[in-house]
Amino acid sequence: MVVHSATTEGMRRAIMAGVNTIEHGDGGTPELFKLMKEKSIALCPTLAATESILTYKGWNKGSGAEPDEVKHKHYIFQEALKAGVTILMGGDVGVFAHGENAKEMLLMVEYGMKPIDVLRSATAVNAKVFGLNELGQVKPGFLADLVAVTGDPSQDIKAVKNVELVMKDGVLVKIDGILNRMVK
């Protein structure tokens, strides 16, 4: 069961009801994140949604002080990480353009998560939490949904934006850049 919650009371009720994930989690507190950890409830923080909405309202990232909403997202994300809460990758695509999902991954690193942990969140962790037993890993018997990028996203998460190849169900659906030159 997935719950969208932006208040402390909503999160408390969702936790007590035994949900699997809480999206947004803006009402998170150290106590609630401790409960989420104890009950194996994951958090999908939707960092990119918050920043995108503020951009639409005229905020320019990097130009002056961060809005209170961004400071609060930093705080709850840090508290969830400290508590050991499972973090999912999902950014409320639709609030920002489809195809820009990497924004969430970049922000997860900017807000304090290690790039390798962000990659795990976007793959194996998401698959496990949602019971998608044939996704999230590269091994026999799993669906062959793969993305190849230029660079090493485990060291520099920005590399996820340099997509060279996409494979869906074992079929190439996109070849660009260096791989395309190699094929020719």
Protein backbone atom coordinates (compact mmCIF):
# COMPACT_ATOMS: atom_id res chain seq x y z
CA MET A 1 0.00 0.00 0.00
CA VAL A 2 1.34 3.40 -1.06
CA VAL A 3 0.34 6.62 0.71
CA HIS A 4 0.95 10.22 -0.23
CA SER A 5 1.42 12.23 2.94
CA ALA A 6 2.73 15.71 3.58
CA THR A 7 1.74 16.10 7.24
CA THR A 8 3.05 14.68 10.48
CA GLU A 9 -0.35 13.30 11.49
CA GLY A 10 -0.92 11.79 8.06
CA MET A 11 2.43 10.07 8.22
CA ARG A 12 1.78 8.79 11.74
CA ARG A 13 -1.57 7.32 10.68
CA ALA A 14 -0.06 5.76 7.55
CA ILE A 15 2.74 4.18 9.58
CA MET A 16 0.30 2.79 12.14
CA ALA A 17 -1.85 1.40 9.29
CA GLY A 18 1.16 -0.53 8.01
CA VAL A 19 1.70 0.99 4.58
CA ASN A 20 4.62 -0.07 2.40
CA THR A 21 5.72 3.38 1.28
CA ILE A 22 5.12 7.03 2.06
CA GLU A 23 5.45 9.49 -0.80
CA HIS A 24 6.60 13.05 -0.03
CA GLY A 25 7.00 12.63 3.74
CA ASP A 26 7.11 16.37 4.38
CA GLY A 27 5.73 15.87 7.88
CA GLY A 28 8.55 13.52 8.81
CA THR A 29 10.19 13.77 12.21
CA PRO A 30 13.08 11.79 13.70
CA GLU A 31 10.54 9.77 15.71
CA LEU A 32 8.43 8.96 12.65
CA PHE A 33 11.46 8.00 10.61
CA LYS A 34 12.55 5.69 13.44
CA LEU A 35 9.11 4.02 13.27
CA MET A 36 9.34 3.76 9.50
CA LYS A 37 12.69 2.00 9.85
CA GLU A 38 11.32 -0.37 12.50
CA LYS A 39 8.31 -1.24 10.34
CA SER A 40 10.29 -1.43 7.06
CA ILE A 41 8.31 1.41 5.47
CA ALA A 42 10.10 3.12 2.59
CA LEU A 43 10.16 6.84 1.79
CA CYS A 44 9.82 8.28 -1.71
CA PRO A 45 10.87 11.88 -1.02
CA THR A 46 9.92 13.54 -4.35
CA LEU A 47 12.68 16.15 -4.08
CA ALA A 48 12.43 17.16 -7.75
CA ALA A 49 8.72 17.88 -7.44
CA THR A 50 9.30 20.37 -4.63
CA GLU A 51 12.10 22.14 -6.47
CA SER A 52 10.19 22.16 -9.78
CA ILE A 53 7.06 23.69 -8.24
CA LEU A 54 9.17 26.43 -6.66
CA THR A 55 10.87 27.09 -10.01
CA TYR A 56 7.45 27.58 -11.62
CA LYS A 57 6.75 30.13 -8.89
CA GLY A 58 9.86 32.11 -9.85
CA TRP A 59 12.63 30.63 -7.70
CA ASN A 60 16.00 30.32 -9.43
CA LYS A 61 18.15 27.65 -7.84
CA GLY A 62 21.57 28.91 -6.86
CA SER A 63 20.56 32.56 -6.77
CA GLY A 64 20.41 33.48 -3.12
CA ALA A 65 18.84 31.77 -0.15
CA GLU A 66 16.93 28.53 -0.55
CA PRO A 67 13.17 28.72 0.08
CA ASP A 68 11.91 27.23 3.35
CA GLU A 69 10.36 24.31 1.44
CA VAL A 70 13.75 23.31 0.04
CA LYS A 71 15.43 23.67 3.43
CA HIS A 72 12.70 21.48 4.91
CA LYS A 73 13.17 18.82 2.21
CA HIS A 74 16.90 18.79 3.02
CA TYR A 75 16.05 18.31 6.69
CA ILE A 76 13.57 15.46 6.25
CA PHE A 77 15.79 13.70 3.73
CA GLN A 78 18.77 13.89 6.10
CA GLU A 79 16.65 12.66 9.02
CA ALA A 80 15.33 9.72 6.99
CA LEU A 81 18.89 8.80 5.96
CA LYS A 82 20.10 9.06 9.58
CA ALA A 83 17.28 6.78 10.72
CA GLY A 84 18.17 4.20 8.06
CA VAL A 85 14.82 4.45 6.26
CA THR A 86 14.73 2.74 2.89
CA ILE A 87 14.75 5.49 0.26
CA LEU A 88 13.00 5.02 -3.07
CA MET A 89 13.67 6.91 -6.27
CA GLY A 90 10.64 8.55 -7.77
CA GLY A 91 10.11 12.21 -8.38
CA ASP A 92 6.43 12.77 -9.24
CA VAL A 93 7.11 12.98 -12.96
CA GLY A 94 4.38 15.14 -14.41
CA VAL A 95 5.22 17.97 -12.03
CA PHE A 96 8.25 18.31 -14.32
CA ALA A 97 8.72 17.10 -17.89
CA HIS A 98 8.67 13.38 -18.67
CA GLY A 99 12.16 12.22 -19.54
CA GLU A 100 13.70 14.42 -16.85
CA ASN A 101 13.59 11.73 -14.13
CA ALA A 102 17.32 12.12 -13.57
CA LYS A 103 16.54 15.35 -11.68
CA GLU A 104 15.48 13.29 -8.69
CA MET A 105 18.65 11.22 -8.72
CA LEU A 106 20.86 14.31 -8.90
CA LEU A 107 18.97 15.91 -6.01
CA MET A 108 19.20 12.75 -3.91
CA VAL A 109 22.99 13.03 -4.16
CA GLU A 110 22.94 16.78 -3.62
CA TYR A 111 20.84 16.25 -0.48
CA GLY A 112 23.30 13.73 0.97
CA MET A 113 22.90 10.25 -0.48
CA LYS A 114 25.86 8.44 -2.04
CA PRO A 115 25.61 7.97 -5.83
CA ILE A 116 25.82 4.18 -5.56
CA ASP A 117 22.92 4.18 -3.08
CA VAL A 118 20.86 6.35 -5.42
CA LEU A 119 21.50 3.87 -8.24
CA ARG A 120 20.41 1.03 -5.96
CA SER A 121 17.28 2.97 -4.99
CA ALA A 122 16.36 3.47 -8.63
CA THR A 123 16.83 -0.21 -9.45
CA ALA A 124 17.03 -3.08 -6.96
CA VAL A 125 15.53 -1.23 -3.97
CA ASN A 126 12.49 0.06 -5.87
CA ALA A 127 11.96 -3.38 -7.42
CA LYS A 128 12.16 -5.14 -4.05
CA VAL A 129 9.84 -2.73 -2.23
CA PHE A 130 7.22 -2.99 -4.97
CA GLY A 131 7.53 -6.78 -5.29
CA LEU A 132 8.78 -6.64 -8.88
CA ASN A 133 10.80 -9.80 -8.61
CA GLU A 134 12.09 -9.85 -12.20
CA LEU A 135 13.42 -6.27 -12.19
CA GLY A 136 16.20 -4.27 -10.62
CA GLN A 137 19.18 -6.53 -11.18
CA VAL A 138 21.27 -7.76 -14.08
CA LYS A 139 21.18 -11.54 -13.83
CA PRO A 140 19.65 -14.58 -15.52
CA GLY A 141 15.87 -14.74 -15.32
CA PHE A 142 15.42 -10.99 -14.88
CA LEU A 143 13.90 -8.74 -17.55
CA ALA A 144 16.56 -7.18 -19.75
CA ASP A 145 15.68 -3.53 -19.16
CA LEU A 146 19.04 -1.77 -19.27
CA VAL A 147 20.47 1.70 -19.72
CA ALA A 148 24.09 2.38 -20.65
CA VAL A 149 25.58 5.81 -20.02
CA THR A 150 28.84 7.58 -20.71
CA GLY A 151 30.76 7.93 -17.46
CA ASP A 152 30.49 6.23 -14.10
CA PRO A 153 27.29 7.22 -12.27
CA SER A 154 28.46 5.38 -9.15
CA GLN A 155 31.11 8.11 -8.87
CA ASP A 156 29.36 11.04 -10.57
CA ILE A 157 25.58 10.73 -10.63
CA LYS A 158 25.35 13.33 -13.42
CA ALA A 159 26.45 10.55 -15.79
CA VAL A 160 22.87 9.19 -15.72
CA LYS A 161 21.98 12.06 -18.04
CA ASN A 162 24.44 10.79 -20.70
CA VAL A 163 22.28 7.95 -22.02
CA GLU A 164 23.91 6.04 -24.87
CA LEU A 165 21.80 2.89 -25.03
CA VAL A 166 18.39 1.74 -23.83
CA MET A 167 17.28 -1.87 -23.89
CA LYS A 168 13.68 -2.86 -23.07
CA ASP A 169 12.84 -6.55 -22.67
CA GLY A 170 16.17 -7.41 -24.31
CA VAL A 171 15.48 -5.30 -27.41
CA LEU A 172 17.56 -2.22 -28.26
CA VAL A 173 15.27 0.79 -28.42
CA LYS A 174 17.89 3.55 -28.43
CA ILE A 175 21.52 3.81 -29.49
CA ASP A 176 23.17 7.22 -29.45
CA GLY A 177 26.51 8.93 -29.28
CA ILE A 178 29.63 6.83 -28.96
CA LEU A 179 27.85 3.48 -29.21
CA ASN A 180 26.16 4.54 -32.43
CA ARG A 181 29.54 5.53 -33.88
CA MET A 182 30.95 2.16 -32.83
CA VAL A 183 28.10 0.26 -34.52
CA LYS A 184 28.68 2.11 -37.82
